[in-house]
Amino acid sequence: MTSHHKPVEMASLSRRCGKGVWELLIYAADHGWQISLTRGGHLRFTKPGHGPVFTSSTPSDRRAYLNALAMLRRADRSAPLQLTADEEAALGQAEAGWQRTMREPLSTWERVDLEFEGRDQAPMCL
C-alpha cells in the first residue's frame, strides 16, 4: 500500500502543536509511524500494515493526548493488515479517485474563505 500523504518534519510541528503532543510525536517516530497533517490541521499517523490514526494537533486537555497515545499503542499491538492482491488493487483505485476529487476547483465559498484568511475582518454575508 502506498501513501500519497506528505510527511512533515517534527521541527515544523513545534509552532503548531502543544507541549503535550511532543510526547506523542516522539513515541510515534520511535515506533515507525509517519506523521502528516490533514487539510483540517489534524495529525495523521500512518504505518505500513496498519490503518491510519487521526488526532487533533492541539488537544483540549491531557486526556485527549492520552487517548491518542492509547490509539497508537493499540494499533502497534494489533496484527498488521494483510491485503489480498485484489484488495490492494481496489484500495489503489479508491486512493486514485480520492486524489482526483481533491483536485477539483474550489467552490465560491472556499475561494472567499481563502481570500479573507488572515485578515482581521471577514466578509459580511447577507
Protein backbone atom coordinates (compact mmCIF):
# COMPACT_ATOMS: atom_id res chain seq x y z
CA MET A 1 0.00 0.00 0.00
CA THR A 2 1.47 3.36 -0.98
CA SER A 3 0.95 6.62 0.83
CA HIS A 4 0.23 9.86 -1.02
CA HIS A 5 0.47 11.99 2.11
CA LYS A 6 3.43 14.28 2.53
CA PRO A 7 5.20 13.56 5.83
CA VAL A 8 6.04 16.57 7.97
CA GLU A 9 9.22 17.20 9.89
CA MET A 10 8.82 17.24 13.65
CA ALA A 11 10.57 20.63 13.81
CA SER A 12 7.85 22.18 11.63
CA LEU A 13 5.19 20.96 14.07
CA SER A 14 6.70 22.86 17.01
CA ARG A 15 4.76 26.01 16.12
CA ARG A 16 1.54 24.11 15.54
CA CYS A 17 1.34 21.58 18.36
CA GLY A 18 1.04 21.98 22.08
CA LYS A 19 3.68 20.74 24.51
CA GLY A 20 1.71 17.61 25.39
CA VAL A 21 1.70 16.49 21.78
CA TRP A 22 5.51 16.28 21.70
CA GLU A 23 5.50 13.06 23.76
CA LEU A 24 3.02 11.62 21.27
CA LEU A 25 5.19 12.66 18.31
CA ILE A 26 8.31 11.17 19.90
CA TYR A 27 6.51 7.88 20.61
CA ALA A 28 5.21 7.75 17.02
CA ALA A 29 8.62 8.48 15.49
CA ASP A 30 10.35 5.92 17.72
CA HIS A 31 7.85 3.22 16.71
CA GLY A 32 7.96 3.75 12.94
CA TRP A 33 4.86 5.88 12.42
CA GLN A 34 4.90 8.57 9.73
CA ILE A 35 3.31 11.87 10.72
CA SER A 36 1.46 14.14 8.32
CA LEU A 37 -1.06 16.96 8.62
CA THR A 38 -4.54 16.77 7.18
CA ARG A 39 -6.04 19.74 5.37
CA GLY A 40 -8.06 20.42 8.52
CA GLY A 41 -4.96 20.67 10.70
CA HIS A 42 -5.25 17.27 12.40
CA LEU A 43 -2.36 14.86 12.75
CA ARG A 44 -2.40 11.69 10.66
CA PHE A 45 -0.20 8.80 11.82
CA THR A 46 0.43 6.09 9.23
CA LYS A 47 2.47 2.91 9.36
CA PRO A 48 2.72 0.18 6.72
CA GLY A 49 0.33 -2.65 7.50
CA HIS A 50 -1.77 -0.58 9.93
CA GLY A 51 -4.75 1.69 9.48
CA PRO A 52 -4.26 5.44 9.93
CA VAL A 53 -4.71 7.08 13.34
CA PHE A 54 -6.01 10.66 13.49
CA THR A 55 -5.87 13.14 16.36
CA SER A 56 -6.01 16.87 16.95
CA SER A 57 -2.78 18.83 16.70
CA THR A 58 -3.99 20.93 19.64
CA PRO A 59 -5.67 18.56 22.12
CA SER A 60 -8.09 20.22 24.53
CA ASP A 61 -6.64 18.53 27.62
CA ARG A 62 -4.24 15.84 28.81
CA ARG A 63 -6.93 13.18 28.44
CA ALA A 64 -7.12 13.80 24.67
CA TYR A 65 -3.36 13.32 24.41
CA LEU A 66 -3.52 10.09 26.46
CA ASN A 67 -6.37 8.78 24.27
CA ALA A 68 -4.32 9.41 21.12
CA LEU A 69 -1.31 7.67 22.66
CA ALA A 70 -3.53 4.71 23.58
CA MET A 71 -4.80 4.50 19.97
CA LEU A 72 -1.22 4.33 18.66
CA ARG A 73 -0.22 1.68 21.21
CA ARG A 74 -3.33 -0.36 20.43
CA ALA A 75 -2.58 -0.17 16.71
CA ASP A 76 1.02 -1.28 17.37
CA ARG A 77 -0.24 -4.34 19.26
CA SER A 78 -2.75 -5.32 16.59
CA ALA A 79 -1.78 -7.65 13.79
CA PRO A 80 -0.67 -5.89 10.60
CA LEU A 81 -3.26 -5.74 7.84
CA GLN A 82 -2.85 -8.47 5.24
CA LEU A 83 -4.47 -7.48 1.96
CA THR A 84 -5.01 -9.77 -0.98
CA ALA A 85 -3.87 -8.61 -4.43
CA ASP A 86 -7.49 -7.79 -5.34
CA GLU A 87 -7.98 -5.75 -2.16
CA GLU A 88 -4.69 -3.93 -2.78
CA ALA A 89 -5.80 -3.05 -6.35
CA ALA A 90 -9.22 -1.86 -5.13
CA LEU A 91 -7.56 0.29 -2.48
CA GLY A 92 -5.24 1.81 -5.09
CA GLN A 93 -8.22 2.69 -7.30
CA ALA A 94 -10.06 4.25 -4.35
CA GLU A 95 -7.00 6.35 -3.45
CA ALA A 96 -6.65 7.48 -7.09
CA GLY A 97 -10.32 8.53 -7.13
CA TRP A 98 -9.87 10.42 -3.88
CA GLN A 99 -6.82 12.22 -5.29
CA ARG A 100 -8.84 13.27 -8.38
CA THR A 101 -11.62 14.57 -6.12
CA MET A 102 -9.15 16.66 -4.16
CA ARG A 103 -8.00 18.41 -7.36
CA GLU A 104 -11.47 19.72 -8.22
CA PRO A 105 -11.81 23.51 -8.35
CA LEU A 106 -12.71 25.32 -5.15
CA SER A 107 -16.29 26.42 -4.61
CA THR A 108 -17.15 30.12 -4.41
CA TRP A 109 -17.28 29.99 -0.60
CA GLU A 110 -13.93 28.22 -0.37
CA ARG A 111 -12.37 30.93 -2.56
CA VAL A 112 -13.90 33.66 -0.35
CA ASP A 113 -12.57 31.92 2.77
CA LEU A 114 -9.08 31.74 1.28
CA GLU A 115 -9.21 35.35 0.08
CA PHE A 116 -10.03 36.67 3.56
CA GLU A 117 -7.85 34.23 5.50
CA GLY A 118 -5.56 36.09 7.88
CA ARG A 119 -7.48 39.37 7.67
CA ASP A 120 -8.98 40.97 10.75
CA GLN A 121 -12.46 41.21 9.30
CA ALA A 122 -14.28 38.52 7.36
CA PRO A 123 -16.72 39.41 4.57
CA MET A 124 -20.32 40.05 5.57
CA CYS A 125 -22.89 37.69 4.12
CA LEU A 126 -26.44 38.87 3.52
